[in-house]
């Protein structure tokens, strides 16, 4: 019983120390170089909630949490590549505003071009078919005159 209590207190203390370290890192003022890196990273990372905004521009609570994580990692001295790797390992390539060209993102990069090609193909086919229907049949003038005379 006593050992369980001791382990619980030890675990709580280690958790608080770890959290306190993260809070201190988030509150540490950034140097000019760190601030440049931090802003540069935020402009290349996507908000997971807003989807069309960078972390720098988003007001979503999740974006604020991600900004704090990025800031903490910049303060710790991690490289930009390490920070991006950490975020992509956790959230996938979607967190990157410009995902890399790799087999699992080919459709993402080629999709717009495929849609344009499909649209042009449909338009070309439609114009071509409607051009064939637009050709008027030859009118038999003699038959038309007979019909008009019958009406009188």
C-alpha atoms as a PDB file:
ATOM      1  CA  UNK A   1       0.000   0.000   0.000  1.00  0.00           C
ATOM      2  CA  UNK A   2       2.783   2.352   0.946  1.00  0.00           C
ATOM      3  CA  UNK A   3       4.691   1.603  -2.273  1.00  0.00           C
ATOM      4  CA  UNK A   4       1.605   2.388  -4.363  1.00  0.00           C
ATOM      5  CA  UNK A   5       1.268   5.746  -2.640  1.00  0.00           C
ATOM      6  CA  UNK A   6       4.968   6.446  -3.136  1.00  0.00           C
ATOM      7  CA  UNK A   7       4.757   5.566  -6.843  1.00  0.00           C
ATOM      8  CA  UNK A   8       1.643   7.731  -7.265  1.00  0.00           C
ATOM      9  CA  UNK A   9       3.341  10.727  -5.645  1.00  0.00           C
ATOM     10  CA  UNK A  10       6.486  10.172  -7.721  1.00  0.00           C
ATOM     11  CA  UNK A  11       4.442   9.913 -10.940  1.00  0.00           C
ATOM     12  CA  UNK A  12       2.486  13.082 -10.081  1.00  0.00           C
ATOM     13  CA  UNK A  13       5.712  14.967  -9.333  1.00  0.00           C
ATOM     14  CA  UNK A  14       7.321  13.863 -12.604  1.00  0.00           C
ATOM     15  CA  UNK A  15       4.188  14.844 -14.518  1.00  0.00           C
ATOM     16  CA  UNK A  16       4.140  18.283 -12.918  1.00  0.00           C
ATOM     17  CA  UNK A  17       7.834  18.802 -13.621  1.00  0.00           C
ATOM     18  CA  UNK A  18       7.309  17.795 -17.264  1.00  0.00           C
ATOM     19  CA  UNK A  19       4.314  20.088 -17.616  1.00  0.00           C
ATOM     20  CA  UNK A  20       6.125  22.911 -15.889  1.00  0.00           C
ATOM     21  CA  UNK A  21       9.010  22.518 -18.326  1.00  0.00           C
ATOM     22  CA  UNK A  22       6.602  22.773 -21.264  1.00  0.00           C
ATOM     23  CA  UNK A  23       4.928  25.865 -19.801  1.00  0.00           C
ATOM     24  CA  UNK A  24       8.285  27.538 -19.203  1.00  0.00           C
ATOM     25  CA  UNK A  25       9.362  26.764 -22.771  1.00  0.00           C
ATOM     26  CA  UNK A  26       6.121  28.227 -24.137  1.00  0.00           C
ATOM     27  CA  UNK A  27       6.577  31.432 -22.114  1.00  0.00           C
ATOM     28  CA  UNK A  28      10.265  31.928 -22.945  1.00  0.00           C
ATOM     29  CA  UNK A  29      10.773  34.940 -25.218  1.00  0.00           C
ATOM     30  CA  UNK A  30      12.129  34.032 -28.632  1.00  0.00           C
ATOM     31  CA  UNK A  31      15.286  35.494 -30.099  1.00  0.00           C
ATOM     32  CA  UNK A  32      15.042  37.185 -33.506  1.00  0.00           C
ATOM     33  CA  UNK A  33      16.294  34.042 -35.273  1.00  0.00           C
ATOM     34  CA  UNK A  34      13.906  31.828 -33.334  1.00  0.00           C
ATOM     35  CA  UNK A  35      11.001  34.176 -34.053  1.00  0.00           C
ATOM     36  CA  UNK A  36      11.813  34.077 -37.785  1.00  0.00           C
ATOM     37  CA  UNK A  37      11.951  30.269 -37.728  1.00  0.00           C
ATOM     38  CA  UNK A  38       8.755  30.085 -35.684  1.00  0.00           C
ATOM     39  CA  UNK A  39       6.815  32.379 -38.071  1.00  0.00           C
ATOM     40  CA  UNK A  40       8.241  30.526 -41.075  1.00  0.00           C
ATOM     41  CA  UNK A  41       7.113  27.176 -39.683  1.00  0.00           C
ATOM     42  CA  UNK A  42       3.640  28.474 -38.866  1.00  0.00           C
ATOM     43  CA  UNK A  43       3.185  29.703 -42.434  1.00  0.00           C
ATOM     44  CA  UNK A  44       4.004  26.246 -43.851  1.00  0.00           C
ATOM     45  CA  UNK A  45       1.748  24.252 -41.517  1.00  0.00           C
ATOM     46  CA  UNK A  46      -1.999  23.817 -42.031  1.00  0.00           C
ATOM     47  CA  UNK A  47      -4.670  24.209 -39.379  1.00  0.00           C
ATOM     48  CA  UNK A  48      -6.289  20.797 -38.974  1.00  0.00           C
ATOM     49  CA  UNK A  49      -9.683  22.327 -38.205  1.00  0.00           C
ATOM     50  CA  UNK A  50      -9.896  25.171 -40.730  1.00  0.00           C
ATOM     51  CA  UNK A  51      -8.168  23.234 -43.545  1.00  0.00           C
ATOM     52  CA  UNK A  52      -7.596  26.293 -45.718  1.00  0.00           C
ATOM     53  CA  UNK A  53      -5.661  28.380 -43.227  1.00  0.00           C
ATOM     54  CA  UNK A  54      -2.142  28.219 -41.969  1.00  0.00           C
ATOM     55  CA  UNK A  55      -1.455  27.796 -38.270  1.00  0.00           C
ATOM     56  CA  UNK A  56      -0.376  31.422 -38.260  1.00  0.00           C
ATOM     57  CA  UNK A  57      -3.757  32.670 -39.533  1.00  0.00           C
ATOM     58  CA  UNK A  58      -6.123  30.308 -37.713  1.00  0.00           C
ATOM     59  CA  UNK A  59      -8.066  31.207 -34.577  1.00  0.00           C
ATOM     60  CA  UNK A  60      -9.117  27.620 -33.795  1.00  0.00           C
ATOM     61  CA  UNK A  61      -8.225  26.266 -30.332  1.00  0.00           C
ATOM     62  CA  UNK A  62      -6.404  23.302 -31.888  1.00  0.00           C
ATOM     63  CA  UNK A  63      -4.285  25.716 -33.938  1.00  0.00           C
ATOM     64  CA  UNK A  64      -3.360  27.553 -30.725  1.00  0.00           C
ATOM     65  CA  UNK A  65      -2.251  24.232 -29.199  1.00  0.00           C
ATOM     66  CA  UNK A  66      -0.188  23.389 -32.278  1.00  0.00           C
ATOM     67  CA  UNK A  67       1.388  26.861 -32.252  1.00  0.00           C
ATOM     68  CA  UNK A  68       2.365  26.283 -28.607  1.00  0.00           C
ATOM     69  CA  UNK A  69       3.911  22.912 -29.499  1.00  0.00           C
ATOM     70  CA  UNK A  70       5.868  24.430 -32.377  1.00  0.00           C
ATOM     71  CA  UNK A  71       7.039  27.312 -30.170  1.00  0.00           C
ATOM     72  CA  UNK A  72       8.125  24.912 -27.430  1.00  0.00           C
ATOM     73  CA  UNK A  73      10.122  22.835 -29.910  1.00  0.00           C
ATOM     74  CA  UNK A  74      11.762  25.954 -31.391  1.00  0.00           C
ATOM     75  CA  UNK A  75      12.783  27.034 -27.863  1.00  0.00           C
ATOM     76  CA  UNK A  76      14.213  23.563 -27.224  1.00  0.00           C
ATOM     77  CA  UNK A  77      16.390  24.016 -30.304  1.00  0.00           C
ATOM     78  CA  UNK A  78      14.854  21.347 -32.526  1.00  0.00           C
ATOM     79  CA  UNK A  79      15.411  21.777 -36.256  1.00  0.00           C
ATOM     80  CA  UNK A  80      12.606  22.723 -38.639  1.00  0.00           C
ATOM     81  CA  UNK A  81      12.793  19.256 -40.195  1.00  0.00           C
ATOM     82  CA  UNK A  82      12.437  17.605 -36.768  1.00  0.00           C
ATOM     83  CA  UNK A  83       9.416  19.751 -35.929  1.00  0.00           C
ATOM     84  CA  UNK A  84       7.763  18.972 -39.273  1.00  0.00           C
ATOM     85  CA  UNK A  85       8.550  15.274 -38.837  1.00  0.00           C
ATOM     86  CA  UNK A  86       7.014  15.305 -35.347  1.00  0.00           C
ATOM     87  CA  UNK A  87       3.815  16.893 -36.667  1.00  0.00           C
ATOM     88  CA  UNK A  88       3.554  14.655 -39.742  1.00  0.00           C
ATOM     89  CA  UNK A  89       4.161  11.550 -37.636  1.00  0.00           C
ATOM     90  CA  UNK A  90       1.327  12.631 -35.397  1.00  0.00           C
ATOM     91  CA  UNK A  91      -1.148  14.173 -37.891  1.00  0.00           C
ATOM     92  CA  UNK A  92      -0.039  12.913 -41.298  1.00  0.00           C
ATOM     93  CA  UNK A  93       1.042  14.867 -44.387  1.00  0.00           C
ATOM     94  CA  UNK A  94      -2.202  16.827 -44.228  1.00  0.00           C
ATOM     95  CA  UNK A  95      -0.667  19.128 -41.604  1.00  0.00           C
ATOM     96  CA  UNK A  96       1.808  20.384 -44.226  1.00  0.00           C
ATOM     97  CA  UNK A  97       0.429  23.219 -46.343  1.00  0.00           C
ATOM     98  CA  UNK A  98       2.402  21.880 -49.328  1.00  0.00           C
ATOM     99  CA  UNK A  99       2.525  18.097 -48.920  1.00  0.00           C
ATOM    100  CA  UNK A 100       5.427  16.258 -50.576  1.00  0.00           C
ATOM    101  CA  UNK A 101       5.005  14.548 -53.935  1.00  0.00           C
ATOM    102  CA  UNK A 102       4.961  10.850 -53.101  1.00  0.00           C
ATOM    103  CA  UNK A 103       2.785   7.873 -54.117  1.00  0.00           C
ATOM    104  CA  UNK A 104       0.123   8.493 -51.482  1.00  0.00           C
ATOM    105  CA  UNK A 105      -0.273  12.157 -52.568  1.00  0.00           C
ATOM    106  CA  UNK A 106      -0.232  11.703 -56.364  1.00  0.00           C
ATOM    107  CA  UNK A 107      -4.000  12.054 -56.560  1.00  0.00           C
ATOM    108  CA  UNK A 108      -3.826  15.200 -54.451  1.00  0.00           C
ATOM    109  CA  UNK A 109      -1.299  16.799 -56.805  1.00  0.00           C
ATOM    110  CA  UNK A 110      -2.670  15.363 -60.073  1.00  0.00           C
ATOM    111  CA  UNK A 111      -6.386  15.544 -59.210  1.00  0.00           C
ATOM    112  CA  UNK A 112      -6.946  19.105 -60.454  1.00  0.00           C
ATOM    113  CA  UNK A 113      -5.248  18.328 -63.777  1.00  0.00           C
ATOM    114  CA  UNK A 114      -7.294  15.143 -64.169  1.00  0.00           C
ATOM    115  CA  UNK A 115     -10.497  17.100 -63.529  1.00  0.00           C
ATOM    116  CA  UNK A 116      -9.566  19.696 -66.158  1.00  0.00           C
ATOM    117  CA  UNK A 117      -8.769  16.988 -68.713  1.00  0.00           C
ATOM    118  CA  UNK A 118     -12.042  15.171 -67.936  1.00  0.00           C
ATOM    119  CA  UNK A 119     -13.996  18.430 -68.258  1.00  0.00           C
ATOM    120  CA  UNK A 120     -12.376  19.279 -71.590  1.00  0.00           C
ATOM    121  CA  UNK A 121     -13.069  15.753 -72.861  1.00  0.00           C
ATOM    122  CA  UNK A 122     -16.748  15.995 -71.910  1.00  0.00           C
ATOM    123  CA  UNK A 123     -17.051  19.471 -73.469  1.00  0.00           C
ATOM    124  CA  UNK A 124     -15.315  18.360 -76.676  1.00  0.00           C
ATOM    125  CA  UNK A 125     -17.561  15.282 -76.951  1.00  0.00           C
ATOM    126  CA  UNK A 126     -20.694  17.354 -76.320  1.00  0.00           C
ATOM    127  CA  UNK A 127     -19.752  19.980 -78.929  1.00  0.00           C
ATOM    128  CA  UNK A 128     -18.833  17.314 -81.455  1.00  0.00           C
ATOM    129  CA  UNK A 129     -22.115  15.397 -81.007  1.00  0.00           C
ATOM    130  CA  UNK A 130     -24.265  18.516 -81.056  1.00  0.00           C
ATOM    131  CA  UNK A 131     -22.532  19.629 -84.277  1.00  0.00           C
ATOM    132  CA  UNK A 132     -23.648  16.437 -85.983  1.00  0.00           C
ATOM    133  CA  UNK A 133     -27.267  16.981 -84.909  1.00  0.00           C
ATOM    134  CA  UNK A 134     -27.266  20.592 -86.055  1.00  0.00           C
ATOM    135  CA  UNK A 135     -27.035  19.659 -89.719  1.00  0.00           C
ATOM    136  CA  UNK A 136     -30.545  20.211 -91.083  1.00  0.00           C
ATOM    137  CA  UNK A 137     -32.181  17.634 -93.300  1.00  0.00           C
ATOM    138  CA  UNK A 138     -32.667  18.578 -96.929  1.00  0.00           C
ATOM    139  CA  UNK A 139     -36.102  20.062 -97.458  1.00  0.00           C
ATOM    140  CA  UNK A 140     -38.122  18.801-100.388  1.00  0.00           C
ATOM    141  CA  UNK A 141     -39.544  22.019-101.828  1.00  0.00           C
ATOM    142  CA  UNK A 142     -42.157  20.219-103.922  1.00  0.00           C
ATOM    143  CA  UNK A 143     -43.535  18.300-100.922  1.00  0.00           C
ATOM    144  CA  UNK A 144     -43.652  21.484 -98.864  1.00  0.00           C
ATOM    145  CA  UNK A 145     -45.623  23.319-101.587  1.00  0.00           C
ATOM    146  CA  UNK A 146     -48.149  20.456-101.790  1.00  0.00           C
ATOM    147  CA  UNK A 147     -48.662  20.540 -98.025  1.00  0.00           C
ATOM    148  CA  UNK A 148     -49.253  24.295 -98.110  1.00  0.00           C
ATOM    149  CA  UNK A 149     -51.777  23.948-100.948  1.00  0.00           C
ATOM    150  CA  UNK A 150     -53.667  21.227 -99.053  1.00  0.00           C
ATOM    151  CA  UNK A 151     -54.030  23.581 -96.072  1.00  0.00           C
ATOM    152  CA  UNK A 152     -55.759  26.226 -98.201  1.00  0.00           C
END
